[in-house]
Amino acid sequence: MIHAYKVILEQSRKKKDQTKKYLEKLKKSKVRNLDQVVMELDEEVWSEIDCLQCANCCATTGPLLLDKDIERLAKSLKMRPANFTETFLKIDEDKDYVFKAMPCPFLGDDKYCSQYESRPNACREYPHTSQRNFSVRLKITYENSMICPAVALIVDRLKLKIPL
């Protein structure tokens, strides 16, 4: 991860309590144009952030894998789903399939995903800032603001656009 992204995440972690309070207030305030504001910020921030210079999500945060994700990945790797599961997955405390270890087994040294076209849905949607109904994702946004520099920037800019 490049130094600038590390700095963004360090700053985000330092103000995590403030961010948590802000997002809790935001949820209660029911801002009408929240999705539009967040989508605009999402587009703005992603013009500044390059995932291939970071990949912190792939290095530290394992996705939840659904049956269709397992089937898609197994097919891509020319494995049976049961063999894929046995080789790469474990069941976590919530009874969900997750990778046995992090970083993701498909993350290369170059920060590229060797299974990008077959990646799990959770990876496809991460970090969830370009989806509608942002207000239902505030808890995960809080968590992601300390993992993903783009989310940290989106939250910082959201605080300026919608002061509470």
Protein backbone atom coordinates (compact mmCIF):
# COMPACT_ATOMS: atom_id res chain seq x y z
CA MET A 1 0.00 0.00 0.00
CA ILE A 2 1.37 3.42 -0.87
CA HIS A 3 2.22 5.81 1.94
CA ALA A 4 -0.54 8.32 1.14
CA TYR A 5 -3.19 5.61 1.58
CA LYS A 6 -1.64 4.50 4.87
CA VAL A 7 -1.85 8.09 6.10
CA ILE A 8 -5.52 8.35 5.10
CA LEU A 9 -6.30 5.15 7.02
CA GLU A 10 -4.28 6.22 10.08
CA GLN A 11 -6.23 9.49 10.18
CA SER A 12 -9.50 7.62 9.77
CA ARG A 13 -8.66 5.31 12.68
CA LYS A 14 -7.77 8.29 14.87
CA LYS A 15 -11.21 9.80 14.35
CA LYS A 16 -13.19 6.56 14.42
CA ASP A 17 -15.29 7.65 17.42
CA GLN A 18 -16.23 10.91 15.68
CA THR A 19 -17.05 8.99 12.50
CA LYS A 20 -19.20 6.49 14.36
CA LYS A 21 -21.20 9.30 16.01
CA TYR A 22 -21.58 11.10 12.69
CA LEU A 23 -22.87 8.01 10.89
CA GLU A 24 -25.29 7.26 13.75
CA LYS A 25 -26.65 10.82 13.48
CA LEU A 26 -26.83 10.48 9.71
CA LYS A 27 -28.94 7.35 10.02
CA LYS A 28 -31.40 9.15 12.31
CA SER A 29 -31.55 12.29 10.16
CA LYS A 30 -32.95 10.56 7.07
CA VAL A 31 -31.32 12.89 4.54
CA ARG A 32 -33.42 12.77 1.35
CA ASN A 33 -30.66 13.04 -1.24
CA LEU A 34 -28.12 10.90 0.62
CA ASP A 35 -27.74 8.33 -2.16
CA GLN A 36 -27.13 11.04 -4.74
CA VAL A 37 -24.54 12.82 -2.57
CA VAL A 38 -22.71 9.58 -1.78
CA MET A 39 -22.70 8.47 -5.42
CA GLU A 40 -21.22 11.82 -6.46
CA LEU A 41 -18.56 11.53 -3.75
CA ASP A 42 -17.92 7.93 -4.77
CA GLU A 43 -17.24 8.97 -8.36
CA GLU A 44 -15.05 11.87 -7.25
CA VAL A 45 -12.96 9.81 -4.83
CA TRP A 46 -12.45 6.86 -7.18
CA SER A 47 -10.88 9.25 -9.67
CA GLU A 48 -8.18 9.79 -7.01
CA ILE A 49 -7.75 6.29 -5.55
CA ASP A 50 -6.23 3.31 -7.36
CA CYS A 51 -7.15 -0.05 -5.85
CA LEU A 52 -4.05 -1.61 -7.36
CA GLN A 53 -1.91 0.68 -5.20
CA CYS A 54 -3.70 -0.56 -2.08
CA ALA A 55 -5.56 -3.90 -2.04
CA ASN A 56 -5.92 -3.59 1.74
CA CYS A 57 -9.39 -5.11 1.56
CA CYS A 58 -8.00 -8.21 -0.15
CA ALA A 59 -5.10 -8.40 2.27
CA THR A 60 -7.07 -7.97 5.50
CA THR A 61 -10.79 -8.53 5.04
CA GLY A 62 -12.20 -11.77 3.78
CA PRO A 63 -15.49 -11.79 1.92
CA LEU A 64 -18.46 -13.93 2.81
CA LEU A 65 -18.83 -16.51 0.02
CA LEU A 66 -22.24 -17.66 -1.09
CA ASP A 67 -22.90 -20.98 -2.82
CA LYS A 68 -23.00 -19.26 -6.23
CA ASP A 69 -19.62 -17.64 -5.48
CA ILE A 70 -18.13 -21.01 -4.57
CA GLU A 71 -19.53 -22.59 -7.73
CA ARG A 72 -18.22 -19.76 -9.94
CA LEU A 73 -14.73 -19.82 -8.40
CA ALA A 74 -14.53 -23.62 -8.44
CA LYS A 75 -15.52 -23.68 -12.11
CA SER A 76 -12.90 -21.05 -12.93
CA LEU A 77 -10.24 -23.09 -11.14
CA LYS A 78 -11.50 -26.33 -12.73
CA MET A 79 -12.29 -27.77 -9.31
CA ARG A 80 -15.34 -29.34 -7.80
CA PRO A 81 -17.12 -27.00 -5.35
CA ALA A 82 -16.49 -29.46 -2.50
CA ASN A 83 -12.74 -29.51 -3.26
CA PHE A 84 -12.67 -25.73 -3.53
CA THR A 85 -14.41 -25.45 -0.17
CA GLU A 86 -12.07 -27.93 1.47
CA THR A 87 -8.98 -26.25 0.02
CA PHE A 88 -9.76 -22.58 0.55
CA LEU A 89 -12.67 -22.08 2.96
CA LYS A 90 -13.75 -22.41 6.55
CA ILE A 91 -17.03 -21.73 8.31
CA ASP A 92 -16.88 -18.69 10.59
CA GLU A 93 -18.71 -17.95 13.84
CA ASP A 94 -21.78 -16.78 11.88
CA LYS A 95 -21.85 -20.10 9.98
CA ASP A 96 -20.74 -18.38 6.76
CA TYR A 97 -18.05 -19.52 4.34
CA VAL A 98 -14.94 -17.35 4.40
CA PHE A 99 -11.33 -17.87 3.33
CA LYS A 100 -9.22 -19.91 5.73
CA ALA A 101 -6.56 -17.23 5.85
CA MET A 102 -5.82 -13.74 4.70
CA PRO A 103 -4.57 -12.27 2.48
CA CYS A 104 -6.96 -13.65 -0.09
CA PRO A 105 -5.40 -16.69 -1.76
CA PHE A 106 -6.06 -15.08 -5.16
CA LEU A 107 -4.31 -11.79 -4.44
CA GLY A 108 -1.05 -11.57 -6.37
CA ASP A 109 2.11 -9.73 -5.37
CA ASP A 110 1.17 -7.18 -8.02
CA LYS A 111 -2.13 -6.60 -6.15
CA TYR A 112 -4.13 -8.08 -9.02
CA CYS A 113 -6.79 -10.70 -8.36
CA SER A 114 -6.09 -13.89 -10.27
CA GLN A 115 -9.81 -14.68 -10.17
CA TYR A 116 -11.13 -11.18 -10.85
CA GLU A 117 -13.74 -12.28 -13.41
CA SER A 118 -14.96 -15.00 -11.03
CA ARG A 119 -14.58 -13.09 -7.76
CA PRO A 120 -17.26 -13.36 -5.05
CA ASN A 121 -20.21 -11.01 -5.08
CA ALA A 122 -19.00 -9.40 -1.84
CA CYS A 123 -15.78 -8.43 -3.66
CA ARG A 124 -17.73 -7.15 -6.67
CA GLU A 125 -19.80 -4.84 -4.47
CA TYR A 126 -17.03 -3.73 -2.11
CA PRO A 127 -16.86 -1.12 -0.62
CA HIS A 128 -20.62 -0.64 -1.11
CA THR A 129 -20.45 3.13 -1.68
CA SER A 130 -21.89 3.06 -5.19
CA GLN A 131 -25.08 1.23 -4.24
CA ARG A 132 -28.49 2.69 -3.53
CA ASN A 133 -29.93 2.78 -0.01
CA PHE A 134 -26.65 3.93 1.48
CA SER A 135 -28.36 4.58 4.81
CA VAL A 136 -28.70 0.83 5.43
CA ARG A 137 -24.94 0.39 4.93
CA LEU A 138 -23.76 2.90 7.51
CA LYS A 139 -22.42 0.29 9.92
CA ILE A 140 -20.35 -1.44 7.24
CA THR A 141 -19.28 1.99 5.94
CA TYR A 142 -17.92 2.78 9.38
CA GLU A 143 -15.92 -0.45 9.40
CA ASN A 144 -14.77 0.01 5.81
CA SER A 145 -13.59 3.56 6.52
CA MET A 146 -10.70 2.03 8.43
CA ILE A 147 -9.90 -0.55 5.73
CA CYS A 148 -10.39 1.32 2.46
CA PRO A 149 -8.84 4.76 1.87
CA ALA A 150 -11.59 5.56 -0.64
CA VAL A 151 -14.30 5.00 1.97
CA ALA A 152 -12.35 7.08 4.48
CA LEU A 153 -12.27 9.96 1.99
CA ILE A 154 -15.93 9.55 1.08
CA VAL A 155 -16.91 9.71 4.76
CA ASP A 156 -14.69 12.76 5.37
CA ARG A 157 -16.22 14.57 2.41
CA LEU A 158 -19.72 13.47 3.39
CA LYS A 159 -19.20 15.17 6.76
CA LEU A 160 -18.47 18.40 4.89
CA LYS A 161 -21.39 18.07 2.45
CA ILE A 162 -23.92 17.07 5.09
CA PRO A 163 -22.82 18.56 8.40
CA LEU A 164 -24.87 17.30 11.33
